[in-house]
Every structure is written in structure tokens, then in C-alpha cells.
């Protein structure tokens, strides 16, 4: 990897793809229903694995699941799921692959009830990112009371692979939480962006 001497969260150093993801996506507030659904499914696919494993397969997931079009994922047939289980570009776990269909159906129900997946999911942080000020990655929690509550509510609404750890990782990824450590260059960028919106 080409070094540029900028300080980053330590986890971003493991590969070029992780660094690019850290620098351009992780922690940026996301409000597009399709993109939120994608992250919810990908975070679920990560369960028991590393994010790098999922990130490196992301384009395969987008191809296999119609770019995470929620309505199309909700219509996945059992036959299509069987075919996806033979796709080496995916994590071939039956429960994880089937959960994309289940989550799409739950997402459509949430959209009907709340107007958008965005408004439903962001309601857990009252529509505003939680800004933390961690000095080291070791201080960042795996779960919080908010992710505990999100996990329970999502499970009650029929979402799968939404344990509290997965929910917190989802919140970090989609900018509901700013967990860049304070000496990371992205921490300053995210705080400046928040001030401009205030």
C-alpha cells in the first residue's frame, strides 16, 4: 500500500480495500434506503467473519442480489436461493443467504409503516449521528444500549442476523455513530461536515 502519512483508525491498515472503505465510506451518514439495506445485509453476512472478507466479496453480493434492490430481494425464489448457495463469490451459508429475502420483506413492511427504511433506522439515534471521542480503537465498544434496543426491535419486526454487535457495526458503517478515533483524519472531516449541517 502506498503511504500518505495521514493518521487513520488502526483497522484500516490491513489492506488497500479496507483503507479505501475507511477513507470514503465508514462513518459517513447514509440515508438511501437501498444502501442502508445493503449494509444491513452485508453486516449480517459478516457474522463470525471479518469485515475484510465481506468487503472483498461486495461486488459479488451486489451482482447476486440485484444491487440490493429491496423489492427484488423480497421476491427471491427458493430456486434462486439454491443457485446462490453454489456461488463461490458469496459466503455460502444458507441462513445468511435466506436472510437477505427475509430482511427485504421486513424492510418493505418497515417502509410501509414508517415511510422509509431511513426514517425507521435513524429513529434509534433521533435522526442525528452520535459523536464519540475515542482515543484508541481499544476503547470502542462492540455494543451499546442503543444497539441493544435496535437489535430487539429489528428482530421483532422480522429482520434476521441483527444481533446487537451486528447492529452496532451497522450504525458505525452508516454514520449513525462517529467512531473514528480522535487522531484519525476522518474524525475531523466528519466533525467539520456535521458543523456545516448544523
N, C-alpha and C. Protein backbone atom coordinates (compact mmCIF):
# COMPACT_ATOMS: atom_id res chain seq x y z
N UNK A 1 0.84 -1.20 0.00
CA UNK A 1 0.00 0.00 0.00
C UNK A 1 0.87 1.25 0.00
N UNK A 2 0.46 2.24 -0.80
CA UNK A 2 1.17 3.50 -0.82
C UNK A 2 0.80 4.30 0.42
N UNK A 3 1.81 4.73 1.16
CA UNK A 3 1.55 5.50 2.38
C UNK A 3 1.35 6.98 2.04
N UNK A 4 0.47 7.62 2.75
CA UNK A 4 0.25 9.05 2.54
C UNK A 4 0.42 9.83 3.85
N UNK A 5 0.85 9.15 4.91
CA UNK A 5 1.19 9.75 6.21
C UNK A 5 0.00 10.34 6.97
N UNK A 6 -1.21 10.10 6.52
CA UNK A 6 -2.35 10.56 7.29
C UNK A 6 -2.68 9.54 8.38
N UNK A 7 -3.06 10.03 9.55
CA UNK A 7 -3.43 9.15 10.66
C UNK A 7 -4.81 8.56 10.39
N UNK A 8 -4.94 7.26 10.66
CA UNK A 8 -6.20 6.56 10.46
C UNK A 8 -6.49 5.66 11.64
N UNK A 9 -7.74 5.22 11.72
CA UNK A 9 -8.09 4.17 12.67
C UNK A 9 -7.24 2.94 12.34
N UNK A 10 -6.75 2.24 13.35
CA UNK A 10 -5.78 1.17 13.13
C UNK A 10 -6.30 0.06 12.22
N UNK A 11 -7.60 -0.23 12.26
CA UNK A 11 -8.13 -1.34 11.47
C UNK A 11 -8.03 -1.08 9.97
N UNK A 12 -7.88 0.16 9.57
CA UNK A 12 -7.85 0.50 8.15
C UNK A 12 -6.55 0.09 7.47
N UNK A 13 -5.55 -0.30 8.24
CA UNK A 13 -4.23 -0.59 7.67
C UNK A 13 -4.10 -1.99 7.10
N UNK A 14 -5.13 -2.83 7.23
CA UNK A 14 -4.97 -4.24 6.87
C UNK A 14 -4.94 -4.50 5.36
N UNK A 15 -5.50 -3.62 4.56
CA UNK A 15 -5.47 -3.82 3.10
C UNK A 15 -5.83 -2.52 2.40
N UNK A 16 -5.57 -2.48 1.10
CA UNK A 16 -5.92 -1.30 0.30
C UNK A 16 -7.43 -1.10 0.28
N UNK A 17 -8.18 -2.20 0.18
CA UNK A 17 -9.64 -2.08 0.12
C UNK A 17 -10.20 -1.58 1.46
N UNK A 18 -9.61 -2.01 2.58
CA UNK A 18 -10.07 -1.55 3.88
C UNK A 18 -9.76 -0.07 4.06
N UNK A 19 -8.60 0.35 3.58
CA UNK A 19 -8.24 1.76 3.71
C UNK A 19 -9.16 2.64 2.87
N UNK A 20 -9.45 2.19 1.65
CA UNK A 20 -10.36 2.96 0.78
C UNK A 20 -11.75 3.04 1.39
N UNK A 21 -12.21 1.94 1.97
CA UNK A 21 -13.52 1.91 2.62
C UNK A 21 -13.53 2.86 3.82
N UNK A 22 -12.50 2.80 4.64
CA UNK A 22 -12.38 3.70 5.79
C UNK A 22 -12.37 5.16 5.36
N UNK A 23 -11.60 5.46 4.32
CA UNK A 23 -11.41 6.85 3.92
C UNK A 23 -12.63 7.46 3.23
N UNK A 24 -13.46 6.65 2.60
CA UNK A 24 -14.54 7.22 1.80
C UNK A 24 -15.95 6.87 2.26
N UNK A 25 -16.12 5.78 3.05
CA UNK A 25 -17.47 5.34 3.39
C UNK A 25 -17.76 5.23 4.88
N UNK A 26 -16.88 4.59 5.62
CA UNK A 26 -17.19 4.24 7.00
C UNK A 26 -17.45 5.49 7.83
N UNK A 27 -18.61 5.55 8.43
CA UNK A 27 -18.94 6.68 9.29
C UNK A 27 -19.61 7.85 8.58
N UNK A 28 -19.81 7.75 7.28
CA UNK A 28 -20.49 8.82 6.55
C UNK A 28 -22.00 8.60 6.67
N UNK A 29 -22.76 9.58 7.16
CA UNK A 29 -24.20 9.40 7.32
C UNK A 29 -24.87 9.00 6.00
N UNK A 30 -25.58 7.90 6.05
CA UNK A 30 -26.20 7.30 4.87
C UNK A 30 -27.71 7.33 5.05
N UNK A 31 -28.42 7.83 4.03
CA UNK A 31 -29.88 7.98 4.15
C UNK A 31 -30.64 7.37 2.97
N UNK A 32 -29.97 6.64 2.13
CA UNK A 32 -30.61 6.00 0.99
C UNK A 32 -31.10 4.60 1.40
N UNK A 33 -32.37 4.31 1.18
CA UNK A 33 -32.94 3.03 1.62
C UNK A 33 -32.19 1.83 1.06
N UNK A 34 -31.89 1.87 -0.25
CA UNK A 34 -31.20 0.74 -0.86
C UNK A 34 -29.83 0.52 -0.24
N UNK A 35 -29.09 1.59 -0.04
CA UNK A 35 -27.75 1.49 0.53
C UNK A 35 -27.81 1.02 1.99
N UNK A 36 -28.78 1.51 2.75
CA UNK A 36 -28.94 1.06 4.14
C UNK A 36 -29.26 -0.43 4.18
N UNK A 37 -30.12 -0.87 3.26
CA UNK A 37 -30.46 -2.29 3.19
C UNK A 37 -29.22 -3.12 2.84
N UNK A 38 -28.42 -2.62 1.91
CA UNK A 38 -27.18 -3.33 1.55
C UNK A 38 -26.29 -3.51 2.78
N UNK A 39 -26.06 -2.44 3.53
CA UNK A 39 -25.20 -2.55 4.70
C UNK A 39 -25.78 -3.49 5.75
N UNK A 40 -27.09 -3.46 5.92
CA UNK A 40 -27.71 -4.35 6.89
C UNK A 40 -27.46 -5.81 6.51
N UNK A 41 -27.60 -6.12 5.23
CA UNK A 41 -27.35 -7.48 4.76
C UNK A 41 -25.88 -7.86 4.83
N UNK A 42 -25.00 -6.95 4.44
CA UNK A 42 -23.57 -7.26 4.47
C UNK A 42 -23.05 -7.41 5.89
N UNK A 43 -23.53 -6.58 6.80
CA UNK A 43 -23.11 -6.73 8.20
C UNK A 43 -23.58 -8.08 8.75
N UNK A 44 -24.78 -8.52 8.34
CA UNK A 44 -25.25 -9.83 8.74
C UNK A 44 -24.40 -10.95 8.16
N UNK A 45 -23.96 -10.78 6.92
CA UNK A 45 -23.10 -11.78 6.29
C UNK A 45 -21.75 -11.88 7.01
N UNK A 46 -21.35 -10.79 7.63
CA UNK A 46 -20.06 -10.76 8.34
C UNK A 46 -20.07 -11.62 9.61
N UNK A 47 -21.22 -11.89 10.18
CA UNK A 47 -21.30 -12.58 11.47
C UNK A 47 -20.34 -13.76 11.54
N UNK A 48 -19.43 -13.71 12.51
CA UNK A 48 -18.45 -14.77 12.69
C UNK A 48 -17.24 -14.68 11.77
N UNK A 49 -17.21 -13.66 10.92
CA UNK A 49 -16.11 -13.49 9.96
C UNK A 49 -15.54 -12.09 10.10
N UNK A 50 -14.58 -11.75 9.25
CA UNK A 50 -14.01 -10.41 9.28
C UNK A 50 -14.72 -9.54 8.24
N UNK A 51 -14.75 -8.23 8.48
CA UNK A 51 -15.35 -7.32 7.52
C UNK A 51 -14.59 -7.34 6.21
N UNK A 52 -13.28 -7.55 6.27
CA UNK A 52 -12.49 -7.59 5.04
C UNK A 52 -12.98 -8.71 4.12
N UNK A 53 -13.33 -9.86 4.70
CA UNK A 53 -13.85 -10.98 3.90
C UNK A 53 -15.09 -10.55 3.13
N UNK A 54 -16.00 -9.86 3.82
CA UNK A 54 -17.24 -9.42 3.18
C UNK A 54 -16.96 -8.31 2.18
N UNK A 55 -16.14 -7.36 2.56
CA UNK A 55 -15.83 -6.23 1.67
C UNK A 55 -15.24 -6.72 0.35
N UNK A 56 -14.37 -7.72 0.42
CA UNK A 56 -13.75 -8.25 -0.80
C UNK A 56 -14.75 -9.00 -1.68
N UNK A 57 -15.89 -9.38 -1.13
CA UNK A 57 -16.94 -10.07 -1.89
C UNK A 57 -18.12 -9.15 -2.23
N UNK A 58 -18.00 -7.90 -1.89
CA UNK A 58 -19.12 -6.96 -2.01
C UNK A 58 -19.70 -6.88 -3.41
N UNK A 59 -18.85 -6.78 -4.42
CA UNK A 59 -19.35 -6.70 -5.79
C UNK A 59 -20.08 -7.97 -6.20
N UNK A 60 -19.63 -9.13 -5.70
CA UNK A 60 -20.34 -10.38 -5.97
C UNK A 60 -21.73 -10.35 -5.35
N UNK A 61 -21.84 -9.80 -4.14
CA UNK A 61 -23.14 -9.67 -3.48
C UNK A 61 -24.06 -8.73 -4.25
N UNK A 62 -23.51 -7.64 -4.72
CA UNK A 62 -24.33 -6.69 -5.48
C UNK A 62 -24.86 -7.34 -6.76
N UNK A 63 -24.02 -8.11 -7.42
CA UNK A 63 -24.44 -8.81 -8.64
C UNK A 63 -25.51 -9.85 -8.30
N UNK A 64 -25.27 -10.64 -7.27
CA UNK A 64 -26.18 -11.74 -6.93
C UNK A 64 -27.54 -11.26 -6.44
N UNK A 65 -27.56 -10.10 -5.76
CA UNK A 65 -28.80 -9.62 -5.15
C UNK A 65 -29.34 -8.35 -5.81
N UNK A 66 -29.15 -8.27 -7.13
CA UNK A 66 -29.75 -7.18 -7.92
C UNK A 66 -29.42 -5.81 -7.32
N UNK A 67 -28.16 -5.62 -6.95
CA UNK A 67 -27.70 -4.36 -6.35
C UNK A 67 -28.51 -4.00 -5.11
N UNK A 68 -28.98 -5.05 -4.42
CA UNK A 68 -29.75 -4.90 -3.17
C UNK A 68 -31.04 -4.09 -3.37
N UNK A 69 -31.64 -4.26 -4.53
CA UNK A 69 -32.98 -3.71 -4.75
C UNK A 69 -33.93 -4.43 -3.78
N UNK A 70 -34.54 -3.69 -2.89
CA UNK A 70 -35.30 -4.31 -1.80
C UNK A 70 -36.47 -5.13 -2.33
N UNK A 71 -37.24 -4.58 -3.26
CA UNK A 71 -38.40 -5.31 -3.79
C UNK A 71 -37.98 -6.59 -4.51
N UNK A 72 -36.91 -6.52 -5.27
CA UNK A 72 -36.45 -7.72 -5.98
C UNK A 72 -35.92 -8.77 -5.02
N UNK A 73 -35.22 -8.34 -3.98
CA UNK A 73 -34.72 -9.30 -2.98
C UNK A 73 -35.88 -9.96 -2.24
N UNK A 74 -36.95 -9.22 -2.02
CA UNK A 74 -38.12 -9.78 -1.33
C UNK A 74 -38.79 -10.87 -2.16
N UNK A 75 -38.59 -10.85 -3.48
CA UNK A 75 -39.21 -11.83 -4.38
C UNK A 75 -38.29 -13.00 -4.71
N UNK A 76 -37.15 -13.11 -4.06
CA UNK A 76 -36.24 -14.22 -4.34
C UNK A 76 -36.97 -15.55 -4.14
N UNK A 77 -36.83 -16.43 -5.11
CA UNK A 77 -37.47 -17.74 -5.02
C UNK A 77 -36.54 -18.73 -4.32
N UNK A 78 -37.13 -19.82 -3.85
CA UNK A 78 -36.30 -20.88 -3.24
C UNK A 78 -35.30 -21.41 -4.26
N UNK A 79 -35.72 -21.50 -5.52
CA UNK A 79 -34.81 -22.00 -6.57
C UNK A 79 -33.62 -21.07 -6.75
N UNK A 80 -33.88 -19.76 -6.73
CA UNK A 80 -32.80 -18.78 -6.86
C UNK A 80 -31.85 -18.87 -5.68
N UNK A 81 -32.38 -19.06 -4.49
CA UNK A 81 -31.55 -19.19 -3.30
C UNK A 81 -30.66 -20.43 -3.41
N UNK A 82 -31.20 -21.52 -3.92
CA UNK A 82 -30.39 -22.73 -4.11
C UNK A 82 -29.24 -22.47 -5.08
N UNK A 83 -29.51 -21.71 -6.13
CA UNK A 83 -28.45 -21.35 -7.08
C UNK A 83 -27.38 -20.48 -6.42
N UNK A 84 -27.82 -19.53 -5.60
CA UNK A 84 -26.87 -18.65 -4.93
C UNK A 84 -25.97 -19.42 -3.97
N UNK A 85 -26.49 -20.50 -3.42
CA UNK A 85 -25.68 -21.32 -2.50
C UNK A 85 -24.53 -22.03 -3.21
N UNK A 86 -24.53 -22.04 -4.54
CA UNK A 86 -23.43 -22.64 -5.30
C UNK A 86 -22.44 -21.59 -5.79
N UNK A 87 -22.71 -20.32 -5.49
CA UNK A 87 -21.90 -19.19 -5.98
C UNK A 87 -20.68 -19.00 -5.08
N UNK A 88 -19.50 -19.29 -5.60
CA UNK A 88 -18.26 -19.19 -4.82
C UNK A 88 -17.91 -17.74 -4.46
N UNK A 89 -18.55 -16.78 -5.11
CA UNK A 89 -18.29 -15.39 -4.80
C UNK A 89 -19.02 -14.89 -3.56
N UNK A 90 -19.88 -15.75 -2.99
CA UNK A 90 -20.64 -15.39 -1.80
C UNK A 90 -20.21 -16.24 -0.62
N UNK A 91 -20.62 -15.84 0.57
CA UNK A 91 -20.44 -16.68 1.76
C UNK A 91 -21.60 -17.66 1.72
N UNK A 92 -21.31 -18.92 1.44
CA UNK A 92 -22.36 -19.89 1.14
C UNK A 92 -22.93 -20.52 2.40
N UNK A 93 -23.61 -19.68 3.14
CA UNK A 93 -24.29 -20.10 4.37
C UNK A 93 -25.79 -19.93 4.10
N UNK A 94 -26.53 -21.02 4.17
CA UNK A 94 -27.94 -20.99 3.81
C UNK A 94 -28.72 -19.94 4.61
N UNK A 95 -28.49 -19.90 5.93
CA UNK A 95 -29.24 -18.96 6.76
C UNK A 95 -28.92 -17.51 6.39
N UNK A 96 -27.65 -17.23 6.10
CA UNK A 96 -27.27 -15.85 5.74
C UNK A 96 -27.86 -15.44 4.40
N UNK A 97 -27.82 -16.35 3.42
CA UNK A 97 -28.36 -16.01 2.10
C UNK A 97 -29.88 -15.87 2.16
N UNK A 98 -30.55 -16.77 2.87
CA UNK A 98 -32.00 -16.68 3.01
C UNK A 98 -32.40 -15.41 3.77
N UNK A 99 -31.54 -14.96 4.68
CA UNK A 99 -31.87 -13.77 5.46
C UNK A 99 -32.00 -12.52 4.59
N UNK A 100 -31.36 -12.49 3.43
CA UNK A 100 -31.50 -11.33 2.54
C UNK A 100 -32.96 -11.20 2.12
N UNK A 101 -33.59 -12.32 1.75
CA UNK A 101 -35.01 -12.29 1.39
C UNK A 101 -35.88 -11.89 2.59
N UNK A 102 -35.60 -12.51 3.73
CA UNK A 102 -36.38 -12.19 4.94
C UNK A 102 -36.23 -10.72 5.31
N UNK A 103 -35.01 -10.21 5.24
CA UNK A 103 -34.77 -8.81 5.60
C UNK A 103 -35.41 -7.86 4.60
N UNK A 104 -35.44 -8.25 3.33
CA UNK A 104 -36.10 -7.41 2.33
C UNK A 104 -37.60 -7.32 2.62
N UNK A 105 -38.20 -8.42 2.98
CA UNK A 105 -39.63 -8.41 3.30
C UNK A 105 -39.90 -7.58 4.55
N UNK A 106 -39.03 -7.72 5.54
CA UNK A 106 -39.17 -6.91 6.77
C UNK A 106 -38.95 -5.43 6.45
N UNK A 107 -38.02 -5.14 5.55
CA UNK A 107 -37.74 -3.75 5.17
C UNK A 107 -38.94 -3.13 4.46
N UNK A 108 -39.57 -3.88 3.58
CA UNK A 108 -40.76 -3.36 2.89
C UNK A 108 -41.88 -3.06 3.88
N UNK A 109 -42.04 -3.92 4.88
CA UNK A 109 -43.06 -3.68 5.91
C UNK A 109 -42.71 -2.42 6.72
N UNK A 110 -41.42 -2.24 7.02
CA UNK A 110 -40.98 -1.05 7.77
C UNK A 110 -41.19 0.22 6.94
N UNK A 111 -40.96 0.12 5.64
CA UNK A 111 -41.17 1.27 4.75
C UNK A 111 -42.66 1.63 4.72
N UNK A 112 -43.51 0.61 4.64
CA UNK A 112 -44.96 0.87 4.66
C UNK A 112 -45.38 1.57 5.96
N UNK A 113 -44.77 1.13 7.07
CA UNK A 113 -45.17 1.67 8.37
C UNK A 113 -44.57 3.03 8.67
N UNK A 114 -43.31 3.24 8.26
CA UNK A 114 -42.58 4.46 8.67
C UNK A 114 -42.29 5.43 7.52
N UNK A 115 -42.65 5.05 6.30
CA UNK A 115 -42.41 5.94 5.16
C UNK A 115 -41.12 5.65 4.43
N UNK A 116 -40.10 5.22 5.15
CA UNK A 116 -38.82 4.85 4.55
C UNK A 116 -38.03 4.00 5.54
N UNK A 117 -37.12 3.23 5.00
CA UNK A 117 -36.21 2.47 5.87
C UNK A 117 -35.30 3.43 6.61
N UNK A 118 -34.95 4.50 5.92
CA UNK A 118 -34.11 5.54 6.50
C UNK A 118 -34.72 6.10 7.79
N UNK A 119 -35.98 6.52 7.74
CA UNK A 119 -36.58 7.12 8.93
C UNK A 119 -36.73 6.10 10.05
N UNK A 120 -37.01 4.85 9.71
CA UNK A 120 -37.12 3.79 10.72
C UNK A 120 -35.79 3.56 11.42
N UNK A 121 -34.73 3.35 10.65
CA UNK A 121 -33.43 3.01 11.25
C UNK A 121 -32.81 4.20 11.97
N UNK A 122 -32.90 5.40 11.39
CA UNK A 122 -32.30 6.56 12.03
C UNK A 122 -33.07 7.03 13.26
N UNK A 123 -34.29 6.52 13.44
CA UNK A 123 -35.05 6.90 14.64
C UNK A 123 -34.36 6.43 15.92
N UNK A 124 -33.52 5.42 15.82
CA UNK A 124 -32.84 4.91 17.01
C UNK A 124 -31.81 5.90 17.57
N UNK A 125 -31.37 6.85 16.71
CA UNK A 125 -30.44 7.90 17.16
C UNK A 125 -31.10 9.28 17.01
N UNK A 126 -32.42 9.30 16.99
CA UNK A 126 -33.18 10.55 16.85
C UNK A 126 -32.78 11.35 15.62
N UNK A 127 -32.38 10.64 14.57
CA UNK A 127 -32.07 11.29 13.31
C UNK A 127 -30.74 12.01 13.24
N UNK A 128 -29.93 11.93 14.31
CA UNK A 128 -28.64 12.65 14.33
C UNK A 128 -27.52 11.69 14.73
N UNK A 129 -26.35 11.79 14.08
CA UNK A 129 -25.23 10.91 14.44
C UNK A 129 -24.78 11.11 15.88
N UNK A 130 -24.45 10.01 16.52
CA UNK A 130 -23.83 10.04 17.85
C UNK A 130 -22.34 10.28 17.63
N UNK A 131 -21.78 11.32 18.26
CA UNK A 131 -20.36 11.64 18.06
C UNK A 131 -19.57 11.24 19.30
N UNK A 132 -18.73 10.24 19.14
CA UNK A 132 -17.88 9.80 20.24
C UNK A 132 -16.51 10.43 20.12
N UNK A 133 -15.67 10.23 21.10
CA UNK A 133 -14.32 10.83 21.10
C UNK A 133 -13.33 9.83 21.68
N UNK A 134 -13.21 8.68 21.00
CA UNK A 134 -12.30 7.64 21.46
C UNK A 134 -10.86 8.00 21.13
N UNK A 135 -9.96 7.72 22.05
CA UNK A 135 -8.53 8.00 21.81
C UNK A 135 -7.81 6.79 21.22
N UNK A 136 -8.38 5.60 21.39
CA UNK A 136 -7.76 4.38 20.85
C UNK A 136 -8.87 3.42 20.42
N UNK A 137 -8.55 2.60 19.43
CA UNK A 137 -9.52 1.64 18.95
C UNK A 137 -9.99 0.68 20.04
N UNK A 138 -9.12 0.43 21.01
CA UNK A 138 -9.47 -0.49 22.10
C UNK A 138 -10.59 0.06 22.98
N UNK A 139 -10.87 1.37 22.90
CA UNK A 139 -11.94 1.97 23.70
C UNK A 139 -13.31 1.81 23.04
N UNK A 140 -13.33 1.53 21.75
CA UNK A 140 -14.59 1.47 21.01
C UNK A 140 -15.37 0.23 21.43
N UNK A 141 -16.62 0.39 21.86
CA UNK A 141 -17.40 -0.76 22.30
C UNK A 141 -17.89 -1.61 21.14
N UNK A 142 -18.25 -2.85 21.44
CA UNK A 142 -18.84 -3.73 20.43
C UNK A 142 -20.35 -3.56 20.38
N UNK A 143 -20.95 -3.13 21.49
CA UNK A 143 -22.39 -2.89 21.56
C UNK A 143 -22.62 -1.68 22.47
N UNK A 144 -23.82 -1.13 22.38
CA UNK A 144 -24.24 -0.04 23.26
C UNK A 144 -25.72 -0.27 23.60
N UNK A 145 -26.25 0.46 24.57
CA UNK A 145 -27.69 0.34 24.84
C UNK A 145 -28.55 0.63 23.61
N UNK A 146 -28.08 1.54 22.74
CA UNK A 146 -28.85 1.84 21.52
C UNK A 146 -28.85 0.64 20.58
N UNK A 147 -27.69 0.02 20.40
CA UNK A 147 -27.65 -1.15 19.51
C UNK A 147 -28.42 -2.32 20.11
N UNK A 148 -28.43 -2.42 21.43
CA UNK A 148 -29.25 -3.46 22.08
C UNK A 148 -30.72 -3.25 21.74
N UNK A 149 -31.16 -2.00 21.83
CA UNK A 149 -32.57 -1.70 21.55
C UNK A 149 -32.89 -1.92 20.07
N UNK A 150 -31.99 -1.45 19.19
CA UNK A 150 -32.19 -1.65 17.76
C UNK A 150 -32.31 -3.14 17.44
N UNK A 151 -31.44 -3.94 18.02
CA UNK A 151 -31.45 -5.38 17.78
C UNK A 151 -32.79 -6.00 18.15
N UNK A 152 -33.29 -5.64 19.31
CA UNK A 152 -34.58 -6.21 19.77
C UNK A 152 -35.73 -5.79 18.87
N UNK A 153 -35.75 -4.51 18.50
CA UNK A 153 -36.84 -4.00 17.66
C UNK A 153 -36.77 -4.62 16.26
N UNK A 154 -35.58 -4.68 15.67
CA UNK A 154 -35.45 -5.26 14.33
C UNK A 154 -35.87 -6.73 14.33
N UNK A 155 -35.43 -7.47 15.33
CA UNK A 155 -35.80 -8.88 15.42
C UNK A 155 -37.32 -9.03 15.53
N UNK A 156 -37.93 -8.17 16.32
CA UNK A 156 -39.39 -8.21 16.49
C UNK A 156 -40.09 -7.91 15.17
N UNK A 157 -39.48 -7.09 14.32
CA UNK A 157 -40.05 -6.75 13.01
C UNK A 157 -39.72 -7.78 11.94
N UNK A 158 -39.04 -8.87 12.30
CA UNK A 158 -38.78 -9.94 11.34
C UNK A 158 -37.43 -9.92 10.66
N UNK A 159 -36.55 -8.97 11.04
CA UNK A 159 -35.20 -8.96 10.48
C UNK A 159 -34.38 -10.08 11.10
N UNK A 160 -33.44 -10.60 10.32
CA UNK A 160 -32.57 -11.68 10.81
C UNK A 160 -31.10 -11.26 10.74
N UNK A 161 -30.27 -11.91 11.53
CA UNK A 161 -28.85 -11.56 11.68
C UNK A 161 -28.73 -10.09 12.09
N UNK A 162 -29.41 -9.77 13.17
CA UNK A 162 -29.42 -8.39 13.68
C UNK A 162 -29.15 -8.39 15.19
N UNK A 163 -28.15 -9.16 15.60
CA UNK A 163 -27.73 -9.10 16.99
C UNK A 163 -27.16 -7.73 17.31
N UNK A 164 -26.97 -7.45 18.58
CA UNK A 164 -26.52 -6.11 18.98
C UNK A 164 -25.16 -5.75 18.39
N UNK A 165 -24.23 -6.70 18.31
CA UNK A 165 -22.91 -6.41 17.72
C UNK A 165 -23.05 -6.05 16.25
N UNK A 166 -23.88 -6.80 15.53
CA UNK A 166 -24.11 -6.50 14.11
C UNK A 166 -24.77 -5.13 13.96
N UNK A 167 -25.75 -4.84 14.81
CA UNK A 167 -26.42 -3.54 14.74
C UNK A 167 -25.44 -2.40 15.01
N UNK A 168 -24.52 -2.59 15.98
CA UNK A 168 -23.59 -1.51 16.25
C UNK A 168 -22.62 -1.30 15.09
N UNK A 169 -22.15 -2.40 14.49
CA UNK A 169 -21.28 -2.29 13.32
C UNK A 169 -22.02 -1.58 12.18
N UNK A 170 -23.29 -1.89 12.02
CA UNK A 170 -24.12 -1.22 11.02
C UNK A 170 -24.22 0.27 11.31
N UNK A 171 -24.44 0.63 12.56
CA UNK A 171 -24.53 2.04 12.94
C UNK A 171 -23.22 2.78 12.66
N UNK A 172 -22.10 2.13 12.93
CA UNK A 172 -20.79 2.74 12.65
C UNK A 172 -20.61 2.94 11.15
N UNK A 173 -20.93 1.90 10.39
CA UNK A 173 -20.71 1.94 8.94
C UNK A 173 -21.55 3.01 8.27
N UNK A 174 -22.78 3.20 8.73
CA UNK A 174 -23.72 4.11 8.05
C UNK A 174 -23.75 5.50 8.67
N UNK A 175 -22.82 5.79 9.55
CA UNK A 175 -22.68 7.14 10.09
C UNK A 175 -23.66 7.50 11.19
N UNK A 176 -24.41 6.53 11.69
CA UNK A 176 -25.27 6.81 12.84
C UNK A 176 -24.42 7.07 14.08
N UNK A 177 -23.20 6.56 14.02
CA UNK A 177 -22.22 6.77 15.09
C UNK A 177 -20.91 7.18 14.43
N UNK A 178 -20.24 8.20 14.97
CA UNK A 178 -18.89 8.54 14.51
C UNK A 178 -17.91 7.91 15.50
N UNK A 179 -17.34 6.77 15.09
CA UNK A 179 -16.37 6.08 15.95
C UNK A 179 -14.95 6.12 15.41
N UNK A 180 -14.67 7.08 14.51
CA UNK A 180 -13.27 7.31 14.16
C UNK A 180 -12.57 7.82 15.42
N UNK A 181 -11.37 7.31 15.68
CA UNK A 181 -10.63 7.80 16.85
C UNK A 181 -10.22 9.25 16.60
N UNK A 182 -9.98 9.99 17.68
CA UNK A 182 -9.83 11.45 17.56
C UNK A 182 -8.63 11.89 16.74
N UNK A 183 -7.58 11.05 16.65
CA UNK A 183 -6.43 11.47 15.84
C UNK A 183 -6.49 10.96 14.40
N UNK A 184 -7.60 10.34 14.04
CA UNK A 184 -7.81 9.90 12.65
C UNK A 184 -8.25 11.11 11.83
N UNK A 185 -7.73 11.25 10.63
CA UNK A 185 -8.08 12.42 9.82
C UNK A 185 -9.57 12.44 9.48
N UNK A 186 -10.21 11.27 9.45
CA UNK A 186 -11.64 11.22 9.14
C UNK A 186 -12.49 11.72 10.31
N UNK A 187 -11.99 11.65 11.52
CA UNK A 187 -12.73 12.18 12.67
C UNK A 187 -12.97 13.67 12.49
N UNK A 188 -11.91 14.38 12.12
CA UNK A 188 -12.00 15.83 11.91
C UNK A 188 -12.92 16.14 10.73
N UNK A 189 -12.78 15.38 9.65
CA UNK A 189 -13.62 15.60 8.47
C UNK A 189 -15.09 15.43 8.81
N UNK A 190 -15.43 14.38 9.56
CA UNK A 190 -16.82 14.13 9.92
C UNK A 190 -17.35 15.22 10.85
N UNK A 191 -16.53 15.70 11.79
CA UNK A 191 -16.97 16.77 12.71
C UNK A 191 -17.21 18.07 11.93
N UNK A 192 -16.31 18.37 10.97
CA UNK A 192 -16.49 19.58 10.17
C UNK A 192 -17.77 19.50 9.34
N UNK A 193 -18.03 18.32 8.78
CA UNK A 193 -19.25 18.14 7.97
C UNK A 193 -20.49 18.31 8.83
N UNK A 194 -20.43 17.80 10.07
CA UNK A 194 -21.57 17.92 10.99
C UNK A 194 -21.81 19.38 11.35
N UNK A 195 -20.73 20.14 11.56
CA UNK A 195 -20.88 21.57 11.89
C UNK A 195 -21.51 22.34 10.74
N UNK A 196 -21.13 22.00 9.51
CA UNK A 196 -21.68 22.70 8.33
C UNK A 196 -23.17 22.45 8.20
N UNK A 197 -23.62 21.25 8.60
CA UNK A 197 -25.05 20.93 8.51
C UNK A 197 -25.85 21.53 9.66
N UNK A 198 -25.18 21.87 10.77
CA UNK A 198 -25.89 22.37 11.96
C UNK A 198 -26.44 23.77 11.73
